Amino acid sequence: MKKANATLFFNFNLLGWTLALALSLSANNVTTAQCVMICNDLVQISLDDDCQVEILPDMILEGNACPNGVFQVQAKINGAWVPGSGNFVATSAHINLTLEIRVKDLVSGNICWGYAHFEDKLPPVLDCNDIFLNCAITNYTPAYILDVLNVSDAYPSVDENCTSTTLTYIDTWFDLGCSGTINGFSDISAYVIRKWTAVDQSGNSATCNQYIYFERRHGVDVIFPPDVTVDCTDPNASPSITGAPYVVDFGLHFDVWPNGTYCELNGTYQDLKLVICDGTYKILRTWTIYDWCLPTGPQNPLTHIQIIKVLD
């Protein structure tokens, strides 16, 4: 009996390609199987100085089970996962919101889900500048200082990263004697420490102290009222009508009489009435200004006669 001879032919190129593909698929399956992603159930994330934050994979993932992964972080907004590419960026629109977040490995296709709560934890930044006023100014509200005196530093500057702020203040008053000093400044009659507080919409707050110094004025700074003429039909010679001694600052007159200012100046007057004829007379009003912080001498007290004519 003859034995049949059989010859086997192998296509080694085809065999090699098939083997390589099988090994590749096996490796990918192993990688996919080994890449087990776990997302944190809930993370707290704070926005930065620019009121935004890019959500990075390591903020959401527990550990790094996919060392060769290429990740994308998305958030579910109105039922849609955004963004289409790149990572989700939270802004002020997401403050105090809890969003569903997913991390996707673009290599293996694995996905895990979790939640992120977004907060603004950065307080406002306040910058207070001190203010110098003369001691005859009795209204020192921020609105008056800004709108009437045109002092731009009336309010502190506020730098807030995300939301609007509410400003409030509390004043503490301090009186100084003639030789008193504060923060290296002398000749100060009094000062106020104005504590400003700014609170943003997330409840973060910051404070700063503003000093308002009331600079002392002396008798030589006082300007006496001019002579005036008053109609006898309304012969009101009150200093509120005919004028009182004052000092000038910020282009405005600030009376030092009556003695309701913070200056150590005492102002008084005495009237002498001289009748000229029926219905016509003069008032010689002698003003006296005494400076409590200077010794008595030729220039202290100061006197001035104001002539008030009342004509028929």
C-alpha atoms as a PDB file:
ATOM      1  CA  MET A   1       0.000   0.000   0.000  1.00  0.00           C
ATOM      2  CA  LYS A   2       1.229   3.375  -0.859  1.00  0.00           C
ATOM      3  CA  LYS A   3       1.138   6.018   1.716  1.00  0.00           C
ATOM      4  CA  ALA A   4      -0.363   9.264   0.652  1.00  0.00           C
ATOM      5  CA  ASN A   5       1.979  12.162   0.953  1.00  0.00           C
ATOM      6  CA  ALA A   6       0.459  15.439   2.224  1.00  0.00           C
ATOM      7  CA  THR A   7       2.191  18.796   2.103  1.00  0.00           C
ATOM      8  CA  LEU A   8       1.084  21.711   4.354  1.00  0.00           C
ATOM      9  CA  PHE A   9       1.606  25.274   3.201  1.00  0.00           C
ATOM     10  CA  PHE A  10       1.502  28.174   5.725  1.00  0.00           C
ATOM     11  CA  ASN A  11       1.114  31.849   4.916  1.00  0.00           C
ATOM     12  CA  PHE A  12       3.407  33.151   7.615  1.00  0.00           C
ATOM     13  CA  ASN A  13       2.538  36.818   6.888  1.00  0.00           C
ATOM     14  CA  LEU A  14      -1.152  36.146   7.461  1.00  0.00           C
ATOM     15  CA  LEU A  15      -0.421  34.105  10.549  1.00  0.00           C
ATOM     16  CA  GLY A  16       1.744  36.827  12.033  1.00  0.00           C
ATOM     17  CA  TRP A  17      -0.886  39.531  11.471  1.00  0.00           C
ATOM     18  CA  THR A  18      -3.608  37.367  12.988  1.00  0.00           C
ATOM     19  CA  LEU A  19      -1.476  36.633  16.027  1.00  0.00           C
ATOM     20  CA  ALA A  20      -0.616  40.305  16.509  1.00  0.00           C
ATOM     21  CA  LEU A  21      -4.283  41.301  16.304  1.00  0.00           C
ATOM     22  CA  ALA A  22      -5.244  38.671  18.818  1.00  0.00           C
ATOM     23  CA  LEU A  23      -2.558  39.825  21.217  1.00  0.00           C
ATOM     24  CA  SER A  24      -3.613  43.457  20.776  1.00  0.00           C
ATOM     25  CA  LEU A  25      -7.260  42.703  21.444  1.00  0.00           C
ATOM     26  CA  SER A  26      -6.275  40.639  24.442  1.00  0.00           C
ATOM     27  CA  ALA A  27      -4.110  43.477  25.788  1.00  0.00           C
ATOM     28  CA  ASN A  28      -6.880  46.024  25.271  1.00  0.00           C
ATOM     29  CA  ASN A  29      -9.361  43.791  27.033  1.00  0.00           C
ATOM     30  CA  VAL A  30      -6.952  43.413  29.940  1.00  0.00           C
ATOM     31  CA  THR A  31      -6.373  47.191  30.068  1.00  0.00           C
ATOM     32  CA  THR A  32     -10.103  47.861  29.966  1.00  0.00           C
ATOM     33  CA  ALA A  33     -10.748  45.260  32.595  1.00  0.00           C
ATOM     34  CA  GLN A  34      -7.982  46.606  34.827  1.00  0.00           C
ATOM     35  CA  CYS A  35      -9.096  50.265  34.398  1.00  0.00           C
ATOM     36  CA  VAL A  36     -11.743  50.420  37.103  1.00  0.00           C
ATOM     37  CA  MET A  37     -12.726  54.047  37.685  1.00  0.00           C
ATOM     38  CA  ILE A  38     -14.371  55.150  40.923  1.00  0.00           C
ATOM     39  CA  CYS A  39     -15.777  58.649  41.369  1.00  0.00           C
ATOM     40  CA  ASN A  40     -16.290  60.322  44.733  1.00  0.00           C
ATOM     41  CA  ASP A  41     -19.925  60.464  45.713  1.00  0.00           C
ATOM     42  CA  LEU A  42     -19.781  64.178  46.550  1.00  0.00           C
ATOM     43  CA  VAL A  43     -16.964  66.712  46.506  1.00  0.00           C
ATOM     44  CA  GLN A  44     -16.904  70.358  47.606  1.00  0.00           C
ATOM     45  CA  ILE A  45     -15.199  72.658  45.107  1.00  0.00           C
ATOM     46  CA  SER A  46     -14.402  76.350  45.658  1.00  0.00           C
ATOM     47  CA  LEU A  47     -14.166  78.912  42.882  1.00  0.00           C
ATOM     48  CA  ASP A  48     -10.889  80.781  42.453  1.00  0.00           C
ATOM     49  CA  ASP A  49      -9.975  84.488  42.382  1.00  0.00           C
ATOM     50  CA  ASP A  50     -11.464  84.781  38.893  1.00  0.00           C
ATOM     51  CA  CYS A  51     -14.740  83.237  40.056  1.00  0.00           C
ATOM     52  CA  GLN A  52     -14.267  80.069  38.050  1.00  0.00           C
ATOM     53  CA  VAL A  53     -12.594  76.691  38.305  1.00  0.00           C
ATOM     54  CA  GLU A  54     -11.805  73.979  35.769  1.00  0.00           C
ATOM     55  CA  ILE A  55     -12.891  70.602  37.109  1.00  0.00           C
ATOM     56  CA  LEU A  56      -9.936  68.261  36.748  1.00  0.00           C
ATOM     57  CA  PRO A  57     -10.231  64.465  36.864  1.00  0.00           C
ATOM     58  CA  ASP A  58      -8.275  64.115  40.113  1.00  0.00           C
ATOM     59  CA  MET A  59     -10.863  66.342  41.824  1.00  0.00           C
ATOM     60  CA  ILE A  60     -13.525  63.699  41.149  1.00  0.00           C
ATOM     61  CA  LEU A  61     -11.707  60.352  40.911  1.00  0.00           C
ATOM     62  CA  GLU A  62     -10.733  58.187  43.854  1.00  0.00           C
ATOM     63  CA  GLY A  63      -7.125  57.262  43.172  1.00  0.00           C
ATOM     64  CA  ASN A  64      -5.684  56.657  39.700  1.00  0.00           C
ATOM     65  CA  ALA A  65      -6.833  53.251  38.431  1.00  0.00           C
ATOM     66  CA  CYS A  66      -6.230  54.210  34.794  1.00  0.00           C
ATOM     67  CA  PRO A  67      -2.647  55.506  34.687  1.00  0.00           C
ATOM     68  CA  ASN A  68      -2.616  55.692  30.893  1.00  0.00           C
ATOM     69  CA  GLY A  69      -6.092  57.158  30.585  1.00  0.00           C
ATOM     70  CA  VAL A  70      -7.086  60.329  28.786  1.00  0.00           C
ATOM     71  CA  PHE A  71      -9.904  61.822  30.812  1.00  0.00           C
ATOM     72  CA  GLN A  72     -12.700  64.289  30.259  1.00  0.00           C
ATOM     73  CA  VAL A  73     -14.880  65.785  32.997  1.00  0.00           C
ATOM     74  CA  GLN A  74     -18.440  66.775  32.140  1.00  0.00           C
ATOM     75  CA  ALA A  75     -21.384  68.174  34.099  1.00  0.00           C
ATOM     76  CA  LYS A  76     -25.052  67.499  33.516  1.00  0.00           C
ATOM     77  CA  ILE A  77     -26.747  70.819  32.761  1.00  0.00           C
ATOM     78  CA  ASN A  78     -30.437  70.843  31.818  1.00  0.00           C
ATOM     79  CA  GLY A  79     -30.267  67.145  30.979  1.00  0.00           C
ATOM     80  CA  ALA A  80     -27.223  67.400  28.697  1.00  0.00           C
ATOM     81  CA  TRP A  81     -23.597  66.527  29.393  1.00  0.00           C
ATOM     82  CA  VAL A  82     -21.341  69.503  28.769  1.00  0.00           C
ATOM     83  CA  PRO A  83     -18.923  70.469  27.384  1.00  0.00           C
ATOM     84  CA  GLY A  84     -18.570  68.459  24.191  1.00  0.00           C
ATOM     85  CA  SER A  85     -14.799  68.559  24.507  1.00  0.00           C
ATOM     86  CA  GLY A  86     -12.455  69.554  27.286  1.00  0.00           C
ATOM     87  CA  ASN A  87     -13.292  69.766  30.970  1.00  0.00           C
ATOM     88  CA  PHE A  88     -16.255  71.479  32.588  1.00  0.00           C
ATOM     89  CA  VAL A  89     -15.565  74.967  33.984  1.00  0.00           C
ATOM     90  CA  ALA A  90     -17.735  76.149  36.881  1.00  0.00           C
ATOM     91  CA  THR A  91     -18.517  79.888  37.173  1.00  0.00           C
ATOM     92  CA  SER A  92     -20.553  82.221  39.374  1.00  0.00           C
ATOM     93  CA  ALA A  93     -23.711  80.766  37.790  1.00  0.00           C
ATOM     94  CA  HIS A  94     -23.026  77.512  39.636  1.00  0.00           C
ATOM     95  CA  ILE A  95     -22.398  78.886  43.144  1.00  0.00           C
ATOM     96  CA  ASN A  96     -24.326  76.910  45.782  1.00  0.00           C
ATOM     97  CA  LEU A  97     -25.444  74.346  43.181  1.00  0.00           C
ATOM     98  CA  THR A  98     -24.841  70.597  43.339  1.00  0.00           C
ATOM     99  CA  LEU A  99     -24.295  69.126  39.861  1.00  0.00           C
ATOM    100  CA  GLU A 100     -23.969  65.591  38.598  1.00  0.00           C
ATOM    101  CA  ILE A 101     -20.446  65.064  37.280  1.00  0.00           C
ATOM    102  CA  ARG A 102     -18.993  62.278  35.191  1.00  0.00           C
ATOM    103  CA  VAL A 103     -15.431  61.364  34.292  1.00  0.00           C
ATOM    104  CA  LYS A 104     -14.835  59.535  31.030  1.00  0.00           C
ATOM    105  CA  ASP A 105     -11.669  57.746  29.975  1.00  0.00           C
ATOM    106  CA  LEU A 106     -11.390  58.439  26.255  1.00  0.00           C
ATOM    107  CA  VAL A 107      -9.009  55.459  25.828  1.00  0.00           C
ATOM    108  CA  SER A 108     -10.961  52.671  27.501  1.00  0.00           C
ATOM    109  CA  GLY A 109     -14.411  54.230  27.315  1.00  0.00           C
ATOM    110  CA  ASN A 110     -14.957  53.677  31.024  1.00  0.00           C
ATOM    111  CA  ILE A 111     -17.128  56.199  32.894  1.00  0.00           C
ATOM    112  CA  CYS A 112     -17.932  56.922  36.506  1.00  0.00           C
ATOM    113  CA  TRP A 113     -20.330  59.397  38.077  1.00  0.00           C
ATOM    114  CA  GLY A 114     -20.490  61.548  41.179  1.00  0.00           C
ATOM    115  CA  TYR A 115     -21.662  64.942  42.395  1.00  0.00           C
ATOM    116  CA  ALA A 116     -19.912  68.258  43.009  1.00  0.00           C
ATOM    117  CA  HIS A 117     -21.102  71.174  45.122  1.00  0.00           C
ATOM    118  CA  PHE A 118     -19.702  74.577  44.117  1.00  0.00           C
ATOM    119  CA  GLU A 119     -18.988  77.343  46.612  1.00  0.00           C
ATOM    120  CA  ASP A 120     -17.466  80.802  46.836  1.00  0.00           C
ATOM    121  CA  LYS A 121     -15.313  80.792  49.961  1.00  0.00           C
ATOM    122  CA  LEU A 122     -13.100  83.775  49.168  1.00  0.00           C
ATOM    123  CA  PRO A 123     -13.946  86.896  51.211  1.00  0.00           C
ATOM    124  CA  PRO A 124     -13.923  90.380  49.690  1.00  0.00           C
ATOM    125  CA  VAL A 125     -10.731  92.412  49.894  1.00  0.00           C
ATOM    126  CA  LEU A 126     -11.161  95.876  51.462  1.00  0.00           C
ATOM    127  CA  ASP A 127      -8.773  98.796  51.281  1.00  0.00           C
ATOM    128  CA  CYS A 128      -9.490 101.739  53.603  1.00  0.00           C
ATOM    129  CA  ASN A 129      -7.796 105.122  53.292  1.00  0.00           C
ATOM    130  CA  ASP A 130      -7.664 107.625  56.146  1.00  0.00           C
ATOM    131  CA  ILE A 131      -9.326 111.043  55.901  1.00  0.00           C
ATOM    132  CA  PHE A 132      -8.386 114.433  57.351  1.00  0.00           C
ATOM    133  CA  LEU A 133     -11.141 116.968  58.106  1.00  0.00           C
ATOM    134  CA  ASN A 134     -11.102 120.218  60.023  1.00  0.00           C
ATOM    135  CA  CYS A 135     -12.528 120.206  63.518  1.00  0.00           C
ATOM    136  CA  ALA A 136     -15.448 122.461  62.584  1.00  0.00           C
ATOM    137  CA  ILE A 137     -16.975 119.803  60.331  1.00  0.00           C
ATOM    138  CA  THR A 138     -19.717 118.074  62.290  1.00  0.00           C
ATOM    139  CA  ASN A 139     -21.205 115.962  59.493  1.00  0.00           C
ATOM    140  CA  TYR A 140     -18.830 113.173  58.562  1.00  0.00           C
ATOM    141  CA  THR A 141     -21.114 110.538  57.061  1.00  0.00           C
ATOM    142  CA  PRO A 142     -19.601 108.791  54.031  1.00  0.00           C
ATOM    143  CA  ALA A 143     -22.222 110.321  51.737  1.00  0.00           C
ATOM    144  CA  TYR A 144     -21.454 113.856  52.961  1.00  0.00           C
ATOM    145  CA  ILE A 145     -17.701 113.346  52.723  1.00  0.00           C
ATOM    146  CA  LEU A 146     -18.010 112.075  49.151  1.00  0.00           C
ATOM    147  CA  ASP A 147     -20.856 114.152  47.728  1.00  0.00           C
ATOM    148  CA  VAL A 148     -20.303 117.492  49.484  1.00  0.00           C
ATOM    149  CA  LEU A 149     -16.603 117.527  50.345  1.00  0.00           C
ATOM    150  CA  ASN A 150     -15.649 115.579  47.181  1.00  0.00           C
ATOM    151  CA  VAL A 151     -13.272 113.300  49.071  1.00  0.00           C
ATOM    152  CA  SER A 152     -12.901 110.166  46.947  1.00  0.00           C
ATOM    153  CA  ASP A 153     -11.660 108.061  49.880  1.00  0.00           C
ATOM    154  CA  ALA A 154     -14.967 108.330  51.723  1.00  0.00           C
ATOM    155  CA  TYR A 155     -15.736 104.680  50.987  1.00  0.00           C
ATOM    156  CA  PRO A 156     -13.273 101.776  50.953  1.00  0.00           C
ATOM    157  CA  SER A 157     -12.426 100.053  47.709  1.00  0.00           C
ATOM    158  CA  VAL A 158     -13.869  96.549  47.525  1.00  0.00           C
ATOM    159  CA  ASP A 159     -12.437  93.738  45.421  1.00  0.00           C
ATOM    160  CA  GLU A 160     -14.814  90.778  45.238  1.00  0.00           C
ATOM    161  CA  ASN A 161     -14.179  87.774  43.022  1.00  0.00           C
ATOM    162  CA  CYS A 162     -17.757  86.684  42.333  1.00  0.00           C
ATOM    163  CA  THR A 163     -20.776  88.532  43.662  1.00  0.00           C
ATOM    164  CA  SER A 164     -21.920  91.936  44.825  1.00  0.00           C
ATOM    165  CA  THR A 165     -21.237  93.057  48.387  1.00  0.00           C
ATOM    166  CA  THR A 166     -23.031  94.909  51.166  1.00  0.00           C
ATOM    167  CA  LEU A 167     -21.058  97.619  52.992  1.00  0.00           C
ATOM    168  CA  THR A 168     -21.751  98.678  56.574  1.00  0.00           C
ATOM    169  CA  TYR A 169     -19.760 100.601  59.169  1.00  0.00           C
ATOM    170  CA  ILE A 170     -19.576 101.331  62.887  1.00  0.00           C
ATOM    171  CA  ASP A 171     -17.973 104.512  64.279  1.00  0.00           C
ATOM    172  CA  THR A 172     -16.071 104.841  67.532  1.00  0.00           C
ATOM    173  CA  TRP A 173     -15.356 108.415  68.642  1.00  0.00           C
ATOM    174  CA  PHE A 174     -12.238 109.558  70.517  1.00  0.00           C
ATOM    175  CA  ASP A 175     -11.619 113.058  71.870  1.00  0.00           C
ATOM    176  CA  LEU A 176      -8.065 114.317  72.314  1.00  0.00           C
ATOM    177  CA  GLY A 177      -6.693 116.951  74.628  1.00  0.00           C
ATOM    178  CA  CYS A 178      -4.599 119.855  73.424  1.00  0.00           C
ATOM    179  CA  SER A 179      -1.362 117.877  73.657  1.00  0.00           C
ATOM    180  CA  GLY A 180      -2.753 114.556  72.485  1.00  0.00           C
ATOM    181  CA  THR A 181      -1.364 112.637  69.511  1.00  0.00           C
ATOM    182  CA  ILE A 182      -2.608 109.677  67.482  1.00  0.00           C
ATOM    183  CA  ASN A 183      -0.667 107.519  65.025  1.00  0.00           C
ATOM    184  CA  GLY A 184       2.144 110.060  65.029  1.00  0.00           C
ATOM    185  CA  PHE A 185      -0.153 113.015  64.237  1.00  0.00           C
ATOM    186  CA  SER A 186      -0.387 116.015  66.552  1.00  0.00           C
ATOM    187  CA  ASP A 187      -2.720 119.022  66.609  1.00  0.00           C
ATOM    188  CA  ILE A 188      -5.681 116.676  66.232  1.00  0.00           C
ATOM    189  CA  SER A 189      -8.829 117.647  68.133  1.00  0.00           C
ATOM    190  CA  ALA A 190     -10.533 114.269  67.798  1.00  0.00           C
ATOM    191  CA  TYR A 191     -10.667 111.197  65.624  1.00  0.00           C
ATOM    192  CA  VAL A 192     -13.060 108.451  64.618  1.00  0.00           C
ATOM    193  CA  ILE A 193     -12.234 104.825  63.919  1.00  0.00           C
ATOM    194  CA  ARG A 194     -14.705 103.728  61.273  1.00  0.00           C
ATOM    195  CA  LYS A 195     -14.845  99.938  61.021  1.00  0.00           C
ATOM    196  CA  TRP A 196     -16.064  98.906  57.584  1.00  0.00           C
ATOM    197  CA  THR A 197     -17.487  95.444  56.910  1.00  0.00           C
ATOM    198  CA  ALA A 198     -18.149  93.988  53.466  1.00  0.00           C
ATOM    199  CA  VAL A 199     -20.260  90.843  53.078  1.00  0.00           C
ATOM    200  CA  ASP A 200     -20.694  89.043  49.760  1.00  0.00           C
ATOM    201  CA  GLN A 201     -23.728  87.011  48.708  1.00  0.00           C
ATOM    202  CA  SER A 202     -22.122  83.803  49.950  1.00  0.00           C
ATOM    203  CA  GLY A 203     -21.753  85.238  53.450  1.00  0.00           C
ATOM    204  CA  ASN A 204     -17.991  85.763  53.275  1.00  0.00           C
ATOM    205  CA  SER A 205     -16.921  88.929  55.063  1.00  0.00           C
ATOM    206  CA  ALA A 206     -13.917  91.180  55.514  1.00  0.00           C
ATOM    207  CA  THR A 207     -13.217  94.314  57.558  1.00  0.00           C
ATOM    208  CA  CYS A 208     -10.896  97.293  57.534  1.00  0.00           C
ATOM    209  CA  ASN A 209     -10.443 100.308  59.802  1.00  0.00           C
ATOM    210  CA  GLN A 210     -10.568 103.855  58.475  1.00  0.00           C
ATOM    211  CA  TYR A 211      -9.306 106.735  60.602  1.00  0.00           C
ATOM    212  CA  ILE A 212     -11.029 110.106  60.282  1.00  0.00           C
ATOM    213  CA  TYR A 213      -8.861 112.817  61.831  1.00  0.00           C
ATOM    214  CA  PHE A 214     -10.336 116.176  62.846  1.00  0.00           C
ATOM    215  CA  GLU A 215      -7.473 118.625  62.571  1.00  0.00           C
ATOM    216  CA  ARG A 216      -7.367 121.406  65.144  1.00  0.00           C
ATOM    217  CA  ARG A 217      -8.010 124.978  64.029  1.00  0.00           C
ATOM    218  CA  HIS A 218      -6.730 128.002  65.943  1.00  0.00           C
ATOM    219  CA  GLY A 219      -7.923 131.562  66.365  1.00  0.00           C
ATOM    220  CA  VAL A 220      -5.730 132.790  63.504  1.00  0.00           C
ATOM    221  CA  ASP A 221      -7.649 130.454  61.170  1.00  0.00           C
ATOM    222  CA  VAL A 222     -10.990 132.052  62.015  1.00  0.00           C
ATOM    223  CA  ILE A 223     -12.627 134.492  59.601  1.00  0.00           C
ATOM    224  CA  PHE A 224     -15.087 136.938  61.101  1.00  0.00           C
ATOM    225  CA  PRO A 225     -18.378 137.804  59.383  1.00  0.00           C
ATOM    226  CA  PRO A 226     -18.550 141.053  57.372  1.00  0.00           C
ATOM    227  CA  ASP A 227     -20.683 144.072  58.171  1.00  0.00           C
ATOM    228  CA  VAL A 228     -24.266 143.725  56.966  1.00  0.00           C
ATOM    229  CA  THR A 229     -27.409 145.796  56.424  1.00  0.00           C
ATOM    230  CA  VAL A 230     -30.814 144.544  57.529  1.00  0.00           C
ATOM    231  CA  ASP A 231     -34.225 145.857  56.453  1.00  0.00           C
ATOM    232  CA  CYS A 232     -36.252 147.126  59.384  1.00  0.00           C
ATOM    233  CA  THR A 233     -39.354 145.358  58.048  1.00  0.00           C
ATOM    234  CA  ASP A 234     -37.693 142.122  59.132  1.00  0.00           C
ATOM    235  CA  PRO A 235     -35.008 143.167  61.620  1.00  0.00           C
ATOM    236  CA  ASN A 236     -33.629 139.721  62.357  1.00  0.00           C
ATOM    237  CA  ALA A 237     -30.061 140.180  63.572  1.00  0.00           C
ATOM    238  CA  SER A 238     -29.479 136.567  64.555  1.00  0.00           C
ATOM    239  CA  PRO A 239     -26.000 135.260  63.655  1.00  0.00           C
ATOM    240  CA  SER A 240     -27.739 132.594  61.583  1.00  0.00           C
ATOM    241  CA  ILE A 241     -28.832 135.506  59.330  1.00  0.00           C
ATOM    242  CA  THR A 242     -26.067 138.070  59.712  1.00  0.00           C
ATOM    243  CA  GLY A 243     -23.188 135.582  59.868  1.00  0.00           C
ATOM    244  CA  ALA A 244     -20.912 133.966  62.427  1.00  0.00           C
ATOM    245  CA  PRO A 245     -17.150 133.347  62.643  1.00  0.00           C
ATOM    246  CA  TYR A 246     -16.032 130.465  60.453  1.00  0.00           C
ATOM    247  CA  VAL A 247     -13.113 128.560  58.994  1.00  0.00           C
ATOM    248  CA  VAL A 248     -12.710 127.596  55.349  1.00  0.00           C
ATOM    249  CA  ASP A 249     -11.981 124.123  54.064  1.00  0.00           C
ATOM    250  CA  PHE A 250     -12.878 122.225  50.881  1.00  0.00           C
ATOM    251  CA  GLY A 251     -14.037 125.573  49.492  1.00  0.00           C
ATOM    252  CA  LEU A 252     -16.809 125.761  52.111  1.00  0.00           C
ATOM    253  CA  HIS A 253     -17.508 127.800  55.257  1.00  0.00           C
ATOM    254  CA  PHE A 254     -17.787 125.979  58.577  1.00  0.00           C
ATOM    255  CA  ASP A 255     -19.042 128.061  61.499  1.00  0.00           C
ATOM    256  CA  VAL A 256     -17.248 127.841  64.823  1.00  0.00           C
ATOM    257  CA  TRP A 257     -20.215 129.394  66.598  1.00  0.00           C
ATOM    258  CA  PRO A 258     -22.268 128.187  68.351  1.00  0.00           C
ATOM    259  CA  ASN A 259     -19.785 126.018  70.185  1.00  0.00           C
ATOM    260  CA  GLY A 260     -21.033 122.711  68.799  1.00  0.00           C
ATOM    261  CA  THR A 261     -17.900 121.834  66.869  1.00  0.00           C
ATOM    262  CA  TYR A 262     -15.004 119.568  67.791  1.00  0.00           C
ATOM    263  CA  CYS A 263     -12.546 122.473  67.891  1.00  0.00           C
ATOM    264  CA  GLU A 264     -11.095 123.758  71.148  1.00  0.00           C
ATOM    265  CA  LEU A 265     -12.440 127.204  70.226  1.00  0.00           C
ATOM    266  CA  ASN A 266     -14.946 129.130  72.270  1.00  0.00           C
ATOM    267  CA  GLY A 267     -16.956 131.802  70.475  1.00  0.00           C
ATOM    268  CA  THR A 268     -19.170 134.434  72.094  1.00  0.00           C
ATOM    269  CA  TYR A 269     -20.602 137.818  71.162  1.00  0.00           C
ATOM    270  CA  GLN A 270     -22.104 140.890  72.806  1.00  0.00           C
ATOM    271  CA  ASP A 271     -24.333 143.464  71.126  1.00  0.00           C
ATOM    272  CA  LEU A 272     -24.407 147.221  71.661  1.00  0.00           C
ATOM    273  CA  LYS A 273     -27.417 148.946  70.060  1.00  0.00           C
ATOM    274  CA  LEU A 274     -26.977 152.521  68.830  1.00  0.00           C
ATOM    275  CA  VAL A 275     -30.215 154.266  67.791  1.00  0.00           C
ATOM    276  CA  ILE A 276     -29.715 156.706  64.926  1.00  0.00           C
ATOM    277  CA  CYS A 277     -33.325 157.743  64.340  1.00  0.00           C
ATOM    278  CA  ASP A 278     -36.780 156.254  64.420  1.00  0.00           C
ATOM    279  CA  GLY A 279     -36.617 152.831  62.766  1.00  0.00           C
ATOM    280  CA  THR A 280     -32.889 153.078  62.069  1.00  0.00           C
ATOM    281  CA  TYR A 281     -30.137 151.852  64.333  1.00  0.00           C
ATOM    282  CA  LYS A 282     -26.799 150.060  64.418  1.00  0.00           C
ATOM    283  CA  ILE A 283     -25.743 147.000  66.303  1.00  0.00           C
ATOM    284  CA  LEU A 284     -22.107 146.807  67.285  1.00  0.00           C
ATOM    285  CA  ARG A 285     -21.562 143.080  67.674  1.00  0.00           C
ATOM    286  CA  THR A 286     -18.299 142.233  69.383  1.00  0.00           C
ATOM    287  CA  TRP A 287     -17.158 138.723  68.598  1.00  0.00           C
ATOM    288  CA  THR A 288     -14.661 137.000  70.886  1.00  0.00           C
ATOM    289  CA  ILE A 289     -12.847 133.784  69.946  1.00  0.00           C
ATOM    290  CA  TYR A 290     -10.790 132.041  72.599  1.00  0.00           C
ATOM    291  CA  ASP A 291      -8.405 129.186  71.739  1.00  0.00           C
ATOM    292  CA  TRP A 292      -8.238 126.748  74.645  1.00  0.00           C
ATOM    293  CA  CYS A 293      -5.069 125.138  73.292  1.00  0.00           C
ATOM    294  CA  LEU A 294      -2.987 128.335  73.220  1.00  0.00           C
ATOM    295  CA  PRO A 295      -1.863 130.521  76.097  1.00  0.00           C
ATOM    296  CA  THR A 296      -3.631 133.789  76.705  1.00  0.00           C
ATOM    297  CA  GLY A 297      -1.844 136.637  74.942  1.00  0.00           C
ATOM    298  CA  PRO A 298      -2.202 139.445  72.406  1.00  0.00           C
ATOM    299  CA  GLN A 299      -3.672 137.035  69.828  1.00  0.00           C
ATOM    300  CA  ASN A 300      -5.720 134.980  72.247  1.00  0.00           C
ATOM    301  CA  PRO A 301      -8.504 135.758  72.604  1.00  0.00           C
ATOM    302  CA  LEU A 302      -9.249 137.455  69.293  1.00  0.00           C
ATOM    303  CA  THR A 303     -11.973 140.084  69.061  1.00  0.00           C
ATOM    304  CA  HIS A 304     -13.762 141.650  66.135  1.00  0.00           C
ATOM    305  CA  ILE A 305     -16.578 144.183  65.860  1.00  0.00           C
ATOM    306  CA  GLN A 306     -19.235 143.470  63.270  1.00  0.00           C
ATOM    307  CA  ILE A 307     -21.515 146.392  62.371  1.00  0.00           C
ATOM    308  CA  ILE A 308     -25.111 145.476  61.643  1.00  0.00           C
ATOM    309  CA  LYS A 309     -27.195 148.340  60.222  1.00  0.00           C
ATOM    310  CA  VAL A 310     -30.951 148.210  60.503  1.00  0.00           C
ATOM    311  CA  LEU A 311     -32.499 150.706  58.080  1.00  0.00           C
ATOM    312  CA  ASP A 312     -36.017 152.033  57.817  1.00  0.00           C
END
